[in-house]
Amino acid sequence: MFWFDLFTALYQFSLRTDLGITSVDAYGLTRPLKHSIALWYFSTVCAWLWLSTDQFQSGA
């Protein structure tokens, strides 16, 4: 779960710096923000899987 922890830390840091919030509870966010975070997670995981598959195919 290294990537999950890394993304969670990055989210909390970006939310603190951008919105000026001192403590962010992932389950206390508003619904649109939750949807955008979920979409970012999904797109990042898909991109990571695509890159790893592409590298695997080119190296094989």
PDB file of N, CA and C in Angstrom:
ATOM      1  N   MET A   1       0.833  -1.204   0.000  1.00  0.00           N
ATOM      2  CA  MET A   1       0.000   0.000   0.000  1.00  0.00           C
ATOM      3  C   MET A   1       0.872   1.261   0.000  1.00  0.00           C
ATOM      4  N   PHE A   2       2.071   1.152  -0.557  1.00  0.00           N
ATOM      5  CA  PHE A   2       2.976   2.303  -0.570  1.00  0.00           C
ATOM      6  C   PHE A   2       2.391   3.452  -1.379  1.00  0.00           C
ATOM      7  N   TRP A   3       1.844   3.134  -2.563  1.00  0.00           N
ATOM      8  CA  TRP A   3       1.309   4.189  -3.420  1.00  0.00           C
ATOM      9  C   TRP A   3       0.115   4.864  -2.775  1.00  0.00           C
ATOM     10  N   PHE A   4      -0.733   4.070  -2.110  1.00  0.00           N
ATOM     11  CA  PHE A   4      -1.901   4.649  -1.448  1.00  0.00           C
ATOM     12  C   PHE A   4      -1.472   5.629  -0.365  1.00  0.00           C
ATOM     13  N   ASP A   5      -0.475   5.238   0.436  1.00  0.00           N
ATOM     14  CA  ASP A   5       0.020   6.129   1.493  1.00  0.00           C
ATOM     15  C   ASP A   5       0.657   7.384   0.899  1.00  0.00           C
ATOM     16  N   LEU A   6       1.397   7.204  -0.184  1.00  0.00           N
ATOM     17  CA  LEU A   6       2.051   8.348  -0.817  1.00  0.00           C
ATOM     18  C   LEU A   6       1.026   9.329  -1.364  1.00  0.00           C
ATOM     19  N   PHE A   7       0.008   8.810  -2.068  1.00  0.00           N
ATOM     20  CA  PHE A   7      -1.017   9.687  -2.619  1.00  0.00           C
ATOM     21  C   PHE A   7      -1.803  10.380  -1.516  1.00  0.00           C
ATOM     22  N   THR A   8      -2.092   9.649  -0.435  1.00  0.00           N
ATOM     23  CA  THR A   8      -2.830  10.250   0.672  1.00  0.00           C
ATOM     24  C   THR A   8      -2.035  11.402   1.287  1.00  0.00           C
ATOM     25  N   ALA A   9      -0.734  11.199   1.460  1.00  0.00           N
ATOM     26  CA  ALA A   9       0.106  12.259   2.015  1.00  0.00           C
ATOM     27  C   ALA A   9       0.157  13.458   1.069  1.00  0.00           C
ATOM     28  N   LEU A  10       0.253  13.200  -0.229  1.00  0.00           N
ATOM     29  CA  LEU A  10       0.283  14.292  -1.195  1.00  0.00           C
ATOM     30  C   LEU A  10      -1.030  15.058  -1.206  1.00  0.00           C
ATOM     31  N   TYR A  11      -2.153  14.334  -1.091  1.00  0.00           N
ATOM     32  CA  TYR A  11      -3.458  14.998  -1.051  1.00  0.00           C
ATOM     33  C   TYR A  11      -3.566  15.899   0.163  1.00  0.00           C
ATOM     34  N   GLN A  12      -3.185  15.385   1.325  1.00  0.00           N
ATOM     35  CA  GLN A  12      -3.305  16.172   2.542  1.00  0.00           C
ATOM     36  C   GLN A  12      -2.410  17.400   2.470  1.00  0.00           C
ATOM     37  N   PHE A  13      -1.212  17.242   1.916  1.00  0.00           N
ATOM     38  CA  PHE A  13      -0.309  18.384   1.789  1.00  0.00           C
ATOM     39  C   PHE A  13      -0.874  19.416   0.820  1.00  0.00           C
ATOM     40  N   SER A  14      -1.372  18.961  -0.342  1.00  0.00           N
ATOM     41  CA  SER A  14      -1.893  19.907  -1.333  1.00  0.00           C
ATOM     42  C   SER A  14      -3.145  20.603  -0.819  1.00  0.00           C
ATOM     43  N   LEU A  15      -3.999  19.879  -0.099  1.00  0.00           N
ATOM     44  CA  LEU A  15      -5.201  20.504   0.434  1.00  0.00           C
ATOM     45  C   LEU A  15      -4.845  21.531   1.501  1.00  0.00           C
ATOM     46  N   ARG A  16      -3.842  21.242   2.324  1.00  0.00           N
ATOM     47  CA  ARG A  16      -3.425  22.202   3.353  1.00  0.00           C
ATOM     48  C   ARG A  16      -2.857  23.463   2.708  1.00  0.00           C
ATOM     49  N   THR A  17      -2.041  23.287   1.674  1.00  0.00           N
ATOM     50  CA  THR A  17      -1.379  24.455   1.095  1.00  0.00           C
ATOM     51  C   THR A  17      -2.324  25.250   0.212  1.00  0.00           C
ATOM     52  N   ASP A  18      -3.185  24.567  -0.559  1.00  0.00           N
ATOM     53  CA  ASP A  18      -4.043  25.280  -1.503  1.00  0.00           C
ATOM     54  C   ASP A  18      -5.253  25.900  -0.821  1.00  0.00           C
ATOM     55  N   LEU A  19      -5.878  25.175   0.088  1.00  0.00           N
ATOM     56  CA  LEU A  19      -7.123  25.652   0.676  1.00  0.00           C
ATOM     57  C   LEU A  19      -6.928  26.291   2.044  1.00  0.00           C
ATOM     58  N   GLY A  20      -5.714  26.182   2.592  1.00  0.00           N
ATOM     59  CA  GLY A  20      -5.468  26.768   3.892  1.00  0.00           C
ATOM     60  C   GLY A  20      -6.099  25.981   5.026  1.00  0.00           C
ATOM     61  N   ILE A  21      -6.362  24.708   4.804  1.00  0.00           N
ATOM     62  CA  ILE A  21      -6.966  23.876   5.845  1.00  0.00           C
ATOM     63  C   ILE A  21      -5.844  23.215   6.642  1.00  0.00           C
ATOM     64  N   THR A  22      -5.963  23.255   7.961  1.00  0.00           N
ATOM     65  CA  THR A  22      -4.885  22.720   8.784  1.00  0.00           C
ATOM     66  C   THR A  22      -4.974  21.207   8.918  1.00  0.00           C
ATOM     67  N   SER A  23      -6.188  20.671   9.013  1.00  0.00           N
ATOM     68  CA  SER A  23      -6.331  19.220   9.112  1.00  0.00           C
ATOM     69  C   SER A  23      -7.467  18.778   8.202  1.00  0.00           C
ATOM     70  N   VAL A  24      -7.203  17.780   7.387  1.00  0.00           N
ATOM     71  CA  VAL A  24      -8.181  17.334   6.403  1.00  0.00           C
ATOM     72  C   VAL A  24      -8.548  15.888   6.689  1.00  0.00           C
ATOM     73  N   ASP A  25      -9.833  15.652   6.882  1.00  0.00           N
ATOM     74  CA  ASP A  25     -10.320  14.286   7.023  1.00  0.00           C
ATOM     75  C   ASP A  25     -10.874  13.861   5.677  1.00  0.00           C
ATOM     76  N   ALA A  26     -10.348  12.767   5.140  1.00  0.00           N
ATOM     77  CA  ALA A  26     -10.734  12.344   3.794  1.00  0.00           C
ATOM     78  C   ALA A  26     -12.223  12.044   3.708  1.00  0.00           C
ATOM     79  N   TYR A  27     -12.820  11.626   4.831  1.00  0.00           N
ATOM     80  CA  TYR A  27     -14.237  11.278   4.801  1.00  0.00           C
ATOM     81  C   TYR A  27     -15.126  12.468   5.138  1.00  0.00           C
ATOM     82  N   GLY A  28     -14.520  13.601   5.477  1.00  0.00           N
ATOM     83  CA  GLY A  28     -15.312  14.771   5.801  1.00  0.00           C
ATOM     84  C   GLY A  28     -15.331  15.800   4.679  1.00  0.00           C
ATOM     85  N   LEU A  29     -14.786  15.419   3.518  1.00  0.00           N
ATOM     86  CA  LEU A  29     -14.748  16.348   2.398  1.00  0.00           C
ATOM     87  C   LEU A  29     -16.117  16.448   1.737  1.00  0.00           C
ATOM     88  N   THR A  30     -16.290  17.503   0.982  1.00  0.00           N
ATOM     89  CA  THR A  30     -17.548  17.655   0.254  1.00  0.00           C
ATOM     90  C   THR A  30     -17.605  16.662  -0.895  1.00  0.00           C
ATOM     91  N   ARG A  31     -18.806  16.430  -1.388  1.00  0.00           N
ATOM     92  CA  ARG A  31     -18.980  15.402  -2.411  1.00  0.00           C
ATOM     93  C   ARG A  31     -18.243  15.715  -3.714  1.00  0.00           C
ATOM     94  N   PRO A  32     -18.290  16.930  -4.266  1.00  0.00           N
ATOM     95  CA  PRO A  32     -17.543  17.189  -5.507  1.00  0.00           C
ATOM     96  C   PRO A  32     -16.045  16.980  -5.345  1.00  0.00           C
ATOM     97  N   LEU A  33     -15.514  17.366  -4.190  1.00  0.00           N
ATOM     98  CA  LEU A  33     -14.089  17.179  -3.964  1.00  0.00           C
ATOM     99  C   LEU A  33     -13.763  15.699  -3.865  1.00  0.00           C
ATOM    100  N   LYS A  34     -14.666  14.927  -3.250  1.00  0.00           N
ATOM    101  CA  LYS A  34     -14.453  13.487  -3.187  1.00  0.00           C
ATOM    102  C   LYS A  34     -14.452  12.879  -4.581  1.00  0.00           C
ATOM    103  N   HIS A  35     -15.355  13.349  -5.431  1.00  0.00           N
ATOM    104  CA  HIS A  35     -15.418  12.801  -6.785  1.00  0.00           C
ATOM    105  C   HIS A  35     -14.164  13.165  -7.571  1.00  0.00           C
ATOM    106  N   SER A  36     -13.673  14.370  -7.423  1.00  0.00           N
ATOM    107  CA  SER A  36     -12.473  14.762  -8.152  1.00  0.00           C
ATOM    108  C   SER A  36     -11.263  13.982  -7.655  1.00  0.00           C
ATOM    109  N   ILE A  37     -11.188  13.725  -6.353  1.00  0.00           N
ATOM    110  CA  ILE A  37     -10.090  12.936  -5.807  1.00  0.00           C
ATOM    111  C   ILE A  37     -10.167  11.506  -6.313  1.00  0.00           C
ATOM    112  N   ALA A  38     -11.378  10.937  -6.331  1.00  0.00           N
ATOM    113  CA  ALA A  38     -11.539   9.574  -6.832  1.00  0.00           C
ATOM    114  C   ALA A  38     -11.163   9.500  -8.304  1.00  0.00           C
ATOM    115  N   LEU A  39     -11.540  10.510  -9.080  1.00  0.00           N
ATOM    116  CA  LEU A  39     -11.193  10.531 -10.495  1.00  0.00           C
ATOM    117  C   LEU A  39      -9.687  10.639 -10.671  1.00  0.00           C
ATOM    118  N   TRP A  40      -9.027  11.442  -9.832  1.00  0.00           N
ATOM    119  CA  TRP A  40      -7.575  11.581  -9.920  1.00  0.00           C
ATOM    120  C   TRP A  40      -6.893  10.266  -9.565  1.00  0.00           C
ATOM    121  N   TYR A  41      -7.380   9.596  -8.506  1.00  0.00           N
ATOM    122  CA  TYR A  41      -6.854   8.280  -8.148  1.00  0.00           C
ATOM    123  C   TYR A  41      -6.981   7.322  -9.317  1.00  0.00           C
ATOM    124  N   PHE A  42      -8.182   7.255  -9.906  1.00  0.00           N
ATOM    125  CA  PHE A  42      -8.459   6.308 -10.982  1.00  0.00           C
ATOM    126  C   PHE A  42      -7.559   6.570 -12.182  1.00  0.00           C
ATOM    127  N   SER A  43      -7.436   7.836 -12.586  1.00  0.00           N
ATOM    128  CA  SER A  43      -6.621   8.161 -13.751  1.00  0.00           C
ATOM    129  C   SER A  43      -5.143   7.891 -13.484  1.00  0.00           C
ATOM    130  N   THR A  44      -4.688   8.156 -12.256  1.00  0.00           N
ATOM    131  CA  THR A  44      -3.291   7.901 -11.919  1.00  0.00           C
ATOM    132  C   THR A  44      -2.983   6.415 -11.944  1.00  0.00           C
ATOM    133  N   VAL A  45      -3.882   5.607 -11.370  1.00  0.00           N
ATOM    134  CA  VAL A  45      -3.678   4.157 -11.365  1.00  0.00           C
ATOM    135  C   VAL A  45      -3.701   3.613 -12.785  1.00  0.00           C
ATOM    136  N   CYS A  46      -4.630   4.104 -13.603  1.00  0.00           N
ATOM    137  CA  CYS A  46      -4.694   3.646 -14.996  1.00  0.00           C
ATOM    138  C   CYS A  46      -3.424   4.024 -15.750  1.00  0.00           C
ATOM    139  N   ALA A  47      -2.935   5.240 -15.541  1.00  0.00           N
ATOM    140  CA  ALA A  47      -1.712   5.666 -16.213  1.00  0.00           C
ATOM    141  C   ALA A  47      -0.522   4.836 -15.747  1.00  0.00           C
ATOM    142  N   TRP A  48      -0.460   4.542 -14.454  1.00  0.00           N
ATOM    143  CA  TRP A  48       0.640   3.737 -13.921  1.00  0.00           C
ATOM    144  C   TRP A  48       0.600   2.325 -14.488  1.00  0.00           C
ATOM    145  N   LEU A  49      -0.599   1.738 -14.557  1.00  0.00           N
ATOM    146  CA  LEU A  49      -0.737   0.400 -15.130  1.00  0.00           C
ATOM    147  C   LEU A  49      -0.371   0.406 -16.608  1.00  0.00           C
ATOM    148  N   TRP A  50      -0.782   1.440 -17.334  1.00  0.00           N
ATOM    149  CA  TRP A  50      -0.476   1.516 -18.762  1.00  0.00           C
ATOM    150  C   TRP A  50       1.025   1.660 -18.980  1.00  0.00           C
ATOM    151  N   LEU A  51       1.671   2.494 -18.182  1.00  0.00           N
ATOM    152  CA  LEU A  51       3.113   2.682 -18.321  1.00  0.00           C
ATOM    153  C   LEU A  51       3.865   1.411 -17.965  1.00  0.00           C
ATOM    154  N   SER A  52       3.455   0.736 -16.901  1.00  0.00           N
ATOM    155  CA  SER A  52       4.144  -0.487 -16.508  1.00  0.00           C
ATOM    156  C   SER A  52       3.946  -1.569 -17.561  1.00  0.00           C
ATOM    157  N   THR A  53       2.752  -1.640 -18.156  1.00  0.00           N
ATOM    158  CA  THR A  53       2.507  -2.626 -19.207  1.00  0.00           C
ATOM    159  C   THR A  53       3.314  -2.288 -20.449  1.00  0.00           C
ATOM    160  N   ASP A  54       3.395  -1.016 -20.793  1.00  0.00           N
ATOM    161  CA  ASP A  54       4.152  -0.593 -21.971  1.00  0.00           C
ATOM    162  C   ASP A  54       5.633  -0.880 -21.782  1.00  0.00           C
ATOM    163  N   GLN A  55       6.148  -0.606 -20.603  1.00  0.00           N
ATOM    164  CA  GLN A  55       7.553  -0.887 -20.329  1.00  0.00           C
ATOM    165  C   GLN A  55       7.811  -2.389 -20.341  1.00  0.00           C
ATOM    166  N   PHE A  56       6.852  -3.150 -19.845  1.00  0.00           N
ATOM    167  CA  PHE A  56       7.015  -4.602 -19.817  1.00  0.00           C
ATOM    168  C   PHE A  56       7.035  -5.156 -21.234  1.00  0.00           C
ATOM    169  N   GLN A  57       6.165  -4.652 -22.089  1.00  0.00           N
ATOM    170  CA  GLN A  57       6.104  -5.150 -23.461  1.00  0.00           C
ATOM    171  C   GLN A  57       7.345  -4.736 -24.240  1.00  0.00           C
ATOM    172  N   SER A  58       7.831  -3.538 -24.026  1.00  0.00           N
ATOM    173  CA  SER A  58       9.008  -3.093 -24.765  1.00  0.00           C
ATOM    174  C   SER A  58      10.262  -3.822 -24.279  1.00  0.00           C
ATOM    175  N   GLY A  59      10.283  -4.207 -22.999  1.00  0.00           N
ATOM    176  CA  GLY A  59      11.447  -4.903 -22.473  1.00  0.00           C
ATOM    177  C   GLY A  59      11.435  -6.389 -22.772  1.00  0.00           C
ATOM    178  N   ALA A  60      10.279  -6.926 -23.145  1.00  0.00           N
ATOM    179  CA  ALA A  60      10.172  -8.368 -23.371  1.00  0.00           C
ATOM    180  C   ALA A  60      10.731  -8.757 -24.727  1.00  0.00           C
TER     181      ALA A  60
END
